[in-house]
Each structure stands twice: as structure tokens, then as C-alpha cells.
Protein backbone atom coordinates (compact mmCIF):
# COMPACT_ATOMS: atom_id res chain seq x y z
CA MET A 1 -18.25 31.84 -8.74
CA VAL A 2 -15.86 31.05 -6.17
CA ALA A 3 -12.63 33.08 -6.59
CA GLN A 4 -9.69 31.21 -4.79
CA GLU A 5 -5.88 32.36 -5.09
CA TRP A 6 -3.47 29.50 -3.60
CA SER A 7 0.50 29.92 -3.27
CA GLY A 8 1.72 26.63 -2.31
CA ARG A 9 -0.56 24.38 0.01
CA LYS A 10 -2.09 27.68 1.37
CA LEU A 11 -5.26 29.40 0.32
CA GLU A 12 -3.95 32.95 0.32
CA SER A 13 -8.51 34.27 -0.66
CA SER A 14 -11.12 33.79 -1.98
CA VAL A 15 -13.72 35.51 -3.11
CA TYR A 16 -17.90 35.07 -4.38
CA PHE A 17 -19.76 35.68 -6.91
CA GLU A 18 -23.67 35.81 -7.63
CA PRO A 19 -24.80 34.74 -11.19
CA ASP A 20 -26.27 37.78 -11.76
CA GLU A 21 -25.35 41.36 -13.15
CA GLN A 22 -24.03 42.30 -10.37
CA GLY A 23 -21.69 40.00 -10.07
CA LEU A 24 -20.47 39.78 -13.47
CA ASP A 25 -19.22 43.17 -12.99
CA LEU A 26 -17.68 42.34 -9.49
CA PHE A 27 -16.21 39.75 -11.31
CA SER A 28 -14.10 41.63 -14.09
CA ALA A 29 -13.51 44.21 -11.81
CA TYR A 30 -11.23 41.37 -10.71
CA LEU A 31 -10.16 39.87 -12.85
CA ARG A 32 -8.70 43.37 -13.79
CA SER A 33 -7.01 43.56 -10.51
CA PHE A 34 -4.07 41.45 -11.77
CA LYS A 35 -1.60 41.88 -14.46
CA ARG A 36 -3.03 39.24 -16.63
CA GLU A 37 -1.98 36.56 -14.33
CA PRO A 38 -3.26 33.13 -15.21
CA VAL A 39 -6.84 31.26 -14.32
CA ARG A 40 -8.18 27.90 -14.90
CA LEU A 41 -11.90 27.09 -14.23
CA MET A 42 -13.42 24.20 -12.48
CA VAL A 43 -16.56 23.18 -13.31
CA ASP A 44 -18.59 21.60 -10.32
CA LEU A 45 -22.21 21.15 -12.45
CA ILE A 46 -25.09 19.02 -12.44
CA GLU A 47 -25.26 19.45 -16.73
CA GLU A 48 -21.81 17.30 -17.04
CA GLU A 49 -23.09 14.16 -18.22
CA PHE A 50 -20.47 11.10 -18.16
CA ARG A 51 -20.78 7.95 -20.53
CA GLN A 52 -18.70 5.16 -21.41
CA ILE A 53 -18.58 3.50 -24.79
CA LYS A 54 -16.13 1.18 -26.42
CA ILE A 55 -14.07 1.29 -29.88
CA PRO A 56 -11.73 -0.28 -31.36
CA LEU A 57 -8.40 0.20 -30.61
CA LEU A 58 -7.33 2.58 -33.55
CA ARG A 59 -5.19 5.74 -33.35
CA GLY A 60 -4.35 8.74 -35.49
CA SER A 61 -7.46 10.49 -37.67
CA ASP A 62 -9.16 7.06 -37.51
CA ARG A 63 -9.68 7.10 -33.70
CA LYS A 64 -10.26 10.91 -33.72
CA ALA A 65 -13.70 10.38 -36.52
CA ILE A 66 -14.47 7.50 -34.09
CA LEU A 67 -14.90 10.25 -31.32
CA LYS A 68 -16.33 13.03 -33.20
CA ARG A 69 -19.54 10.54 -34.13
CA ASN A 70 -19.87 9.53 -30.60
CA TYR A 71 -19.61 13.68 -29.51
CA ALA A 72 -22.40 14.07 -32.04
CA LYS A 73 -24.18 11.19 -30.18
CA TYR A 74 -24.32 12.02 -27.12
CA PHE A 75 -23.50 15.69 -26.75
CA ARG A 76 -24.28 17.35 -29.78
CA ASN A 77 -25.30 20.79 -28.62
CA SER A 78 -21.94 21.09 -26.84
CA LYS A 79 -18.54 22.67 -27.89
CA TYR A 80 -17.53 20.87 -24.03
CA ARG A 81 -16.71 18.00 -24.14
CA PHE A 82 -13.60 15.53 -23.77
CA ALA A 83 -12.54 11.56 -24.03
CA ILE A 84 -10.30 10.00 -21.13
CA SER A 85 -9.19 6.02 -22.46
CA GLN A 86 -9.06 4.20 -19.29
CA SER A 87 -8.60 0.79 -20.17
CA VAL A 88 -7.74 -1.94 -23.13
CA GLU A 89 -9.74 -5.58 -23.73
CA LYS A 90 -7.94 -8.20 -25.71
CA LYS A 91 -10.62 -9.67 -27.61
CA THR A 92 -11.00 -11.16 -30.83
CA ARG A 93 -10.54 -7.93 -31.76
CA LYS A 94 -8.16 -4.86 -29.05
CA GLU A 95 -11.22 -2.53 -27.91
CA GLU A 96 -10.44 0.27 -25.47
CA ASN A 97 -12.29 1.43 -23.25
CA VAL A 98 -13.48 5.32 -23.30
CA LEU A 99 -14.88 7.40 -20.85
CA LEU A 100 -17.10 10.79 -22.59
CA MET A 101 -17.94 13.76 -20.44
CA GLY A 102 -19.23 17.00 -21.79
CA LEU A 103 -21.62 19.73 -20.56
CA THR A 104 -24.95 19.30 -21.58
CA ASN A 105 -25.03 23.65 -21.37
CA GLN A 106 -22.81 25.32 -21.77
CA TYR A 107 -24.29 28.24 -22.01
CA LEU A 108 -23.78 28.48 -18.21
CA LEU A 109 -20.25 29.13 -19.23
CA ASP A 110 -21.04 32.32 -21.15
CA PRO A 111 -21.26 35.27 -18.66
CA TRP A 112 -17.88 34.57 -16.80
CA LEU A 113 -15.84 32.91 -20.19
CA LYS A 114 -16.61 36.19 -21.57
CA ILE A 115 -15.35 38.33 -19.07
CA ILE A 116 -12.33 36.64 -18.72
CA GLU A 117 -12.07 37.01 -22.71
CA ASP A 118 -12.78 40.97 -22.31
CA THR A 119 -9.99 40.87 -20.01
CA ARG A 120 -8.10 39.63 -21.27
CA THR A 121 -6.67 36.80 -18.94
CA PRO A 122 -4.70 34.32 -19.99
CA LEU A 123 -7.27 31.29 -19.23
CA SER A 124 -5.14 27.35 -19.10
CA GLY A 125 -8.67 25.06 -19.51
CA ILE A 126 -11.29 24.51 -17.90
CA ILE A 127 -11.25 20.95 -15.57
CA SER A 128 -13.90 18.91 -14.10
CA LEU A 129 -13.96 18.93 -10.62
CA PRO A 130 -15.13 14.62 -10.53
CA LEU A 131 -12.10 13.93 -12.39
CA VAL A 132 -9.79 15.88 -10.70
CA SER A 133 -10.86 13.83 -7.79
CA GLN A 134 -9.30 10.47 -9.04
CA ASP A 135 -6.30 11.73 -7.87
CA TYR A 136 -7.25 10.98 -4.39
CA ILE A 137 -8.73 8.05 -4.40
CA GLY A 138 -5.50 6.41 -4.15
CA GLU A 139 -5.18 8.12 -0.88
CA LEU A 140 -8.10 6.42 0.44
CA LYS A 141 -6.60 2.76 0.27
CA SER A 142 -9.91 0.82 -0.25
CA GLU A 143 -9.65 -3.19 -0.31
CA ASN A 144 -12.77 -2.96 -2.43
CA ASN A 145 -12.63 -2.48 -6.51
CA ALA A 146 -15.31 0.14 -6.07
CA VAL A 147 -15.78 3.47 -4.44
CA ILE A 148 -18.75 5.53 -4.00
CA LEU A 149 -16.82 8.87 -3.17
CA VAL A 150 -19.47 11.15 -1.16
CA SER A 151 -18.65 14.98 -1.52
CA GLN A 152 -20.26 18.61 -0.63
CA GLN A 153 -18.86 22.09 -2.42
CA VAL A 154 -22.32 23.75 -2.20
CA PRO A 155 -24.71 23.71 0.39
CA SER A 156 -27.38 22.84 -1.97
CA ASN A 157 -25.74 20.25 -4.23
CA LEU A 158 -24.35 16.22 -3.30
CA ARG A 159 -21.23 14.90 -5.68
CA GLN A 160 -21.10 11.49 -5.35
CA SER A 161 -18.02 9.98 -7.95
CA VAL A 162 -17.65 6.43 -8.95
CA PHE A 163 -14.79 5.07 -9.42
CA VAL A 164 -14.21 1.38 -10.55
CA ASN A 165 -10.22 -0.11 -10.06
CA GLY A 166 -9.46 3.70 -9.55
CA LYS A 167 -11.04 4.84 -13.15
CA LEU A 168 -13.64 7.13 -13.10
CA ILE A 169 -16.79 6.08 -13.79
CA LEU A 170 -19.73 8.38 -13.62
CA SER A 171 -20.27 10.81 -11.79
CA ARG A 172 -23.73 12.51 -10.59
CA LEU A 173 -24.05 15.44 -8.91
CA VAL A 174 -27.77 15.43 -7.22
CA PRO A 175 -30.00 18.28 -4.71
CA ILE A 176 -30.12 18.11 -1.43
CA ALA A 177 -32.01 20.58 0.73
CA SER A 178 -31.02 19.07 4.56
CA PHE A 179 -28.17 20.56 4.63
CA TYR A 180 -29.05 23.57 7.05
CA GLN A 181 -32.39 22.16 7.73
CA GLY A 182 -34.22 18.45 7.89
CA ASP A 183 -32.81 14.74 8.37
CA TYR A 184 -29.31 15.40 6.36
CA ALA A 185 -27.87 12.01 7.09
CA ALA A 186 -30.74 9.99 6.01
CA ASP A 187 -30.82 12.04 2.79
CA VAL A 188 -27.20 11.42 2.44
CA ILE A 189 -28.18 7.60 2.44
CA ARG A 190 -30.95 7.78 0.66
CA ASP A 191 -28.97 8.74 -2.21
CA ILE A 192 -26.27 6.56 -2.12
CA GLU A 193 -28.65 4.26 -2.52
CA SER A 194 -30.13 4.62 -5.18
CA THR A 195 -26.70 5.53 -7.47
CA GLN A 196 -25.65 1.63 -5.98
CA ARG A 197 -29.42 0.59 -7.61
CA TYR A 198 -28.27 1.78 -11.01
CA LEU A 199 -24.32 0.93 -11.06
CA VAL A 200 -26.24 -2.41 -10.61
CA SER A 201 -28.70 -2.19 -13.59
CA GLN A 202 -26.20 -0.78 -15.15
CA ARG A 203 -23.90 -3.99 -14.29
CA ILE A 204 -20.86 -1.71 -13.59
CA VAL A 205 -21.20 -3.91 -10.23
CA GLY A 206 -22.58 -7.00 -9.70
CA GLY A 207 -25.19 -7.85 -7.32
CA ALA A 208 -22.59 -9.12 -4.60
CA ASP A 209 -19.74 -6.56 -4.98
CA ARG A 210 -18.91 -4.92 -1.51
CA ILE A 211 -19.00 -1.05 -2.41
CA SER A 212 -16.58 1.03 -0.34
CA ILE A 213 -18.71 4.20 0.28
CA GLN A 214 -15.69 7.57 1.13
CA ILE A 215 -17.80 10.53 2.30
CA PHE A 216 -16.56 13.69 3.57
CA THR A 217 -18.38 15.56 5.63
CA ASN A 218 -18.27 18.48 8.55
CA LYS A 219 -18.36 18.68 12.23
CA ARG A 220 -22.18 19.00 12.11
CA HIS A 221 -22.97 16.21 10.23
CA TYR A 222 -19.72 13.72 11.69
CA ASP A 223 -21.53 12.47 14.20
CA LYS A 224 -24.69 11.83 12.27
CA LEU A 225 -23.83 10.11 9.74
CA LYS A 226 -21.19 7.94 11.76
CA ILE A 227 -24.30 6.52 13.20
CA LYS A 228 -26.29 6.18 10.40
CA CYS A 229 -23.71 4.44 7.99
CA THR A 230 -23.13 2.56 11.21
CA ALA A 231 -26.62 0.79 10.87
CA GLU A 232 -26.38 0.27 7.30
CA ASN A 233 -24.53 -2.93 6.45
CA TYR A 234 -25.10 -3.12 2.66
CA ALA A 235 -21.34 -1.02 2.00
CA ASP A 236 -18.21 -0.59 3.51
CA PHE A 237 -19.06 3.16 4.82
CA LYS A 238 -16.06 5.25 6.25
CA ILE A 239 -16.56 8.84 7.07
CA HIS A 240 -13.99 11.48 6.39
CA ALA A 241 -13.80 14.48 8.34
CA ILE A 242 -13.21 17.53 5.74
CA ASN A 243 -10.73 19.53 8.19
CA GLU A 244 -8.63 16.37 9.18
CA VAL A 245 -7.89 15.85 5.81
CA LEU A 246 -7.47 19.40 5.24
CA LYS A 247 -4.93 18.96 8.04
CA LYS A 248 -3.53 15.69 7.40
CA GLU A 249 -2.93 17.19 3.21
CA LYS A 250 -0.86 20.05 5.58
CA ILE A 251 -3.28 22.12 3.05
CA GLU A 252 -3.23 25.68 5.37
CA LEU A 253 -6.64 27.22 5.21
CA TYR A 254 -8.20 30.63 7.01
CA ASP A 255 -10.73 28.81 8.87
CA ASP A 256 -12.97 25.67 9.12
CA GLN A 257 -13.61 24.10 5.95
CA ASP A 258 -17.96 23.15 5.59
CA PHE A 259 -17.33 21.65 2.28
CA SER A 260 -14.84 20.28 0.34
CA SER A 261 -14.38 22.13 -2.07
CA GLY A 262 -10.55 23.56 -0.80
CA LEU A 263 -9.44 19.78 -1.28
CA PHE A 264 -10.31 19.56 -4.66
CA CYS A 265 -9.45 23.05 -5.46
CA TYR A 266 -5.21 22.38 -4.08
CA LEU A 267 -5.71 19.53 -5.95
CA ALA A 268 -6.33 21.54 -9.01
CA SER A 269 -4.09 24.33 -8.60
CA LYS A 270 -1.46 21.59 -8.48
CA LYS A 271 -1.55 20.38 -12.16
CA ILE A 272 0.60 22.37 -14.31
CA LEU A 273 -0.44 21.88 -17.98
CA VAL A 274 -4.21 20.64 -17.91
CA ASN A 275 -7.45 21.14 -19.86
CA HIS A 276 -10.20 19.27 -20.24
CA TYR A 277 -12.97 21.46 -21.75
CA ALA A 278 -11.41 24.77 -22.84
CA VAL A 279 -11.60 25.04 -27.23
CA PRO A 280 -8.32 26.71 -28.28
CA GLU A 281 -10.08 30.04 -29.00
CA GLU A 282 -10.67 30.06 -25.45
CA ARG A 283 -6.57 29.60 -24.26
CA LYS A 284 -5.29 32.00 -26.84
CA TYR A 285 -4.57 34.81 -24.04
CA TYR A 286 -2.73 31.56 -22.82
CA HIS A 287 -0.61 30.91 -25.80
CA HIS A 288 0.57 34.21 -25.50
CA HIS A 289 1.42 34.28 -21.90
CA LEU A 290 2.90 30.98 -22.33
CA ALA A 291 5.18 31.93 -25.37
CA ASN A 292 5.46 35.41 -23.09
CA PHE A 293 7.09 33.40 -20.56
CA PHE A 294 9.68 31.27 -22.62
CA LEU A 295 10.76 34.43 -24.44
CA LYS A 296 11.58 35.97 -21.86
CA PHE A 297 13.49 32.79 -20.22
CA THR A 298 15.28 32.88 -23.25
CA GLY A 299 16.11 36.23 -23.28
CA ILE A 300 17.49 35.94 -19.44
CA ALA A 301 19.09 32.79 -20.51
CA ILE A 302 21.28 34.45 -23.02
CA PHE A 303 22.37 37.18 -21.26
CA ALA A 304 23.59 35.11 -18.70
CA ILE A 305 25.65 32.70 -21.12
CA GLY A 306 26.75 36.78 -22.56
CA ILE A 307 27.78 37.20 -18.76
CA GLY A 308 28.88 33.97 -18.16
CA LEU A 309 31.52 33.95 -21.60
CA ALA A 310 31.88 38.00 -21.29
CA SER A 311 32.99 37.03 -17.28
CA THR A 312 35.03 34.13 -18.79
CA SER A 313 37.08 36.36 -21.23
CA LEU A 314 37.67 38.88 -18.49
CA VAL A 315 39.75 36.00 -16.43
CA GLU A 316 41.20 34.75 -19.32
CA GLY A 317 42.61 38.35 -20.22
CA TRP A 318 43.38 38.48 -16.59
CA MET A 319 44.55 35.23 -16.41
CA TYR A 320 46.96 36.29 -19.73
CA ASN A 321 48.73 39.74 -18.86
CA ASN A 322 50.57 38.02 -15.74
CA THR A 323 51.53 35.06 -17.51
CA VAL A 324 52.99 38.01 -20.24
CA THR A 325 54.23 39.81 -17.07
CA GLU A 326 55.53 36.82 -15.48
CA THR A 327 57.16 35.80 -18.61
CA ASN A 328 59.36 39.55 -18.70
CA LEU A 329 60.50 38.88 -15.63
CA ILE A 330 61.60 35.33 -16.59
CA GLU A 331 63.46 36.76 -20.19
CA GLN A 332 64.51 39.21 -18.38
CA LYS A 333 66.44 37.21 -15.72
CA TYR A 334 67.52 34.67 -17.92
CA LYS A 335 69.14 38.16 -19.93
CA SER A 336 70.88 38.75 -16.83
CA LYS A 337 72.29 35.61 -16.73
CA TYR A 338 73.36 34.94 -20.29
CA ASN A 339 75.22 38.62 -20.04
CA GLN A 340 76.75 37.92 -16.41
CA LEU A 341 78.53 34.47 -18.47
CA SER A 342 79.41 36.31 -21.42
CA GLU A 343 81.54 38.94 -19.59
CA ASN A 344 83.48 35.59 -18.23
CA LEU A 345 83.04 33.93 -21.21
CA ILE A 346 87.01 32.99 -23.03
CA ASP A 347 86.55 33.49 -26.77
CA SER A 348 88.85 31.47 -28.58
CA THR A 349 89.46 31.43 -32.10
CA THR A 350 91.00 27.83 -32.14
CA SER A 351 89.62 25.63 -34.65
CA THR A 352 88.03 22.02 -34.00
CA THR A 353 91.00 20.24 -35.84
CA SER A 354 93.50 22.28 -34.23
CA MET A 355 92.36 21.30 -30.66
CA GLN A 356 92.14 17.97 -31.90
CA ASN A 357 95.75 18.35 -32.94
CA VAL A 358 96.53 19.30 -29.41
CA VAL A 359 94.27 16.37 -28.09
CA LYS A 360 96.72 14.20 -29.51
CA LEU A 361 99.92 16.10 -28.74
CA VAL A 362 99.58 15.94 -25.48
CA GLY A 363 98.33 12.04 -24.83
CA LEU A 364 101.46 12.05 -28.09
CA MET A 365 103.68 13.59 -24.92
CA GLN A 366 102.39 11.14 -22.16
CA LYS A 367 102.98 7.43 -24.12
CA ARG A 368 106.84 8.84 -25.47
CA TYR A 369 108.49 11.34 -24.26
CA ILE A 370 107.92 11.45 -20.60
CA SER A 371 110.87 10.35 -19.76
CA ASP A 372 113.29 12.80 -22.02
CA PRO A 373 112.69 16.63 -22.87
CA GLU A 374 114.97 17.39 -25.84
CA GLU A 375 112.13 15.90 -28.11
CA LEU A 376 109.72 16.94 -26.46
CA LEU A 377 110.76 20.52 -26.39
CA SER A 378 111.21 20.52 -29.78
CA MET A 379 107.75 19.13 -30.78
CA VAL A 380 106.14 21.91 -28.68
CA SER A 381 107.36 24.55 -29.74
CA ARG A 382 106.11 23.54 -32.88
CA GLU A 383 102.74 22.87 -31.84
CA ILE A 384 103.07 26.33 -29.78
CA SER A 385 103.40 28.02 -33.33
CA LEU A 386 100.19 27.42 -33.82
CA PHE A 387 99.11 29.74 -30.89
CA PRO A 388 100.49 32.98 -31.76
CA ASP A 389 99.88 34.85 -29.03
CA ILE A 390 100.70 32.40 -26.64
CA ARG A 391 104.14 32.77 -24.91
CA VAL A 392 106.17 30.34 -22.46
CA LYS A 393 106.98 31.77 -19.82
CA SER A 394 108.31 28.66 -17.69
CA ILE A 395 108.96 24.93 -18.74
CA GLU A 396 109.13 22.67 -15.09
CA TRP A 397 110.83 19.15 -15.59
CA PHE A 398 110.65 16.47 -13.46
CA THR A 399 110.99 12.51 -13.22
CA SER A 400 108.19 10.69 -10.06
CA LYS A 401 107.87 7.34 -9.65
CA PHE A 402 104.57 8.08 -8.52
CA ALA A 403 101.76 9.27 -10.93
CA ASP A 404 100.68 12.08 -8.44
CA ALA A 405 103.37 13.62 -7.80
CA THR A 406 102.19 17.13 -8.72
CA SER A 407 105.56 19.04 -8.38
CA ALA A 408 109.58 18.95 -8.57
CA SER A 409 109.16 19.45 -4.68
CA LYS A 410 106.94 16.44 -4.46
CA VAL A 411 109.57 13.80 -5.65
CA SER A 412 111.94 12.55 -3.22
CA TRP A 413 115.07 12.37 -5.85
CA GLY A 414 117.43 9.16 -5.63
CA LYS A 415 119.79 7.16 -8.10
CA GLY A 416 117.92 5.22 -10.02
CA LYS A 417 119.47 1.64 -11.74
CA ARG A 418 120.06 1.94 -15.33
CA LYS A 419 118.12 -1.09 -17.06
CA LYS A 420 120.88 -2.71 -19.23
CA LYS A 421 121.36 -1.59 -23.28
CA LYS A 422 120.72 -4.79 -25.83
């Protein structure tokens, strides 16, 4: 068991635990040192099998019933199984190509899962390394439809995953004892040839089809593998130095790597909600973790909304107070102006009818009495009696040939011609 802590693209730490009593105790202490942070378990086991089946294109409970029967057929004694749809064939009836995956020996995980359960560590899922490696096939940019990806995560086993049109078809984990001593390159090529013969025998690929062989290796084996693969012409071999791959992907590790586990663990760490094998009972603490997270998020969101509403209310109240103050100032200004105008206002108790009579009188005076003051004064005296407070102090009478004469002193007096009376 290897426990890795990732922060983005950087591997913070890597701790190894042996599958013995001491290793299990250390693993338990390791998990208890965290505050119940969620973990995910990636498996790379010989006991993992893959089966391709065809089922009718169905949905809902009918599809689940067919998958359940196939689970019982191929993985009867295991609860760790998974099905992934790969394609749909349209023939006389529509059929779905499904890849069944499962662990034939589920008891390998029991000691580790029991510790995860006892420490109440949230387990987000159990994921398959070959299926995670499918995400990287597009980066290899092979021109061939069939690809065999060869990698090694531990010294004792060699992983070969077969992809057709970018989809995982099967994966084999075979023992290899020559990683440190022996002819490693010859052993790798021999195992690849065995996988290729199996693909042809199962009619997964044709005998004449060219297969792309993508090998991840380290510095010590790179040159030997390159020489060995150059001598073989039955397939398209490409050798990738694992440290160059990590550098290209900008993955930060503390030293040079001999194995490919860093790449696949990084790919697994990027996935958010992924699970292949874990059953609901094993993920209950993870569901509690998600519920707790969403409750905290909701509480923070409500608190932020409350703060926002309170701030808005404070701003509105401040603006209202400023508006009231400005309104009071305007009111005082208009009251002052009103009082000033009221002091200069001449109060008149004259009725509207009386004012109309005065206007008519002035008009009549201009039309009829402009040349004779006698009748004018008689009429004016009658009209002035309407205003008991009015007193006549002086009257000035003059005639003029000009309409803009303003006083008698401005008039040029002369003898006017009398009109002949008829």
C-alpha cells in the first residue's frame, strides 16, 4: 500500500505500508493523523479481470437485471465489479458493447478497508488503474486503432493495457523478475508478444493489423528497450522515459522515478467524483463528508447573503438620512423665501368683479374720455367710491399729438385746428 498526498500537480509525500501486522498498524496511525480528509483507493492487482460482452440496448431496471446476471456469471464471488458502456451496434436489433470489470479476490482489500472504516475516513471510491490510464491514451497520439500501453508500478509486475479506438478492452498484470537483474528487455518483449497472440486469437485485432506498443520505462532500461524494440518490426514501438513524461505534464515529484505510479496517481487525483468498485456501505462516511461540506457552504452562503442585506440596509438608511437632511434644508430655504415674499406682498380685498370693472373703466377712458376731463372726473369719482381707502391727491390732465408723451411738460403746446361742426 502506497499513500500519496497530492496538491495540484505536486506530490507532497509518499508513504509505503507492508501488508503485515506492523504495516497495518502504521497505516491506521497514518489515517488517524488527518482530520478525516477524504481518500480514494486505486487498485493495480493481478486479480482484476476484464470481460467484453454484448447485451440488448436497454435502459433502467431491464439493463440492471441483465448486468446482474452477467455479474453472477463472471464475478460470482466478488462484490467489487463494474460495467462501462463502450459502443452501440445497429444491426437487426440494437446491441450495446459493455466492458465488465471485477476483482476475483475481494479479500485482498479487506484489511485496508477495515482500517479505513475503523478510522471513519471518508472513502470517495475504489478506482481501477487500467481504466484511469484510458484518459492518457489521447496524449500518445497513435495512428493505429489498437494500442498496448506497457507500464510498471512495482518491480515485480508488468501492466499491459489494450485499447481499441481509445477504449479499454482488457488489461493484464504479469509477474516479471528481471527488473533489477536479468534480461529485462527480452522479458518485456516476450510478454508483449504473448498479449498480441491473445488479441489475434480472440479476434480483437486482425492478424495483419499493426499494433502500437507504447512503453513507459526508466533510465536504466531505456536504451536496452530501444535497441530491442528496433530489432522487432512486427509492431510500432515507442519508448517513453517516465521522467520526461512527468516533466512534459508538469508533474512535480521530489526525485527521479523508476515507475509509472506517479503519472497514474496524478490522473486519479484530478478526478472529482469517480468510483468503480466501492459499494455504498463503504462510502457512507464520504456521503457524510459531502453533506457536512454542503451544509457549511450553505451556512456561509446564507451568512454572506445576510451580511450583504445588512450592508444594503445600512447604505439605504444612510442615504435616507441624507435625503431627510437635504429635504429639511430645502424646506427651510423655501419657508424663508415664502416669508420674505409675504412681507412684501400687498394684500388686496378687491373682488374679481371690481377688478374687472376697473379694467373696463380704463378701456372706456381711453376710448371716449380722452379729450374732455369733465365727464371723466365725474365717472372716476363714482368708480373710486368702490375703494373707501383710496384718496385722490392730484390729477394731471394734458393732451398730446404723440402717444408716448409721459407728462404735460413733455408736450409741445400749440393751437390746434378746430374741426368744423356739422
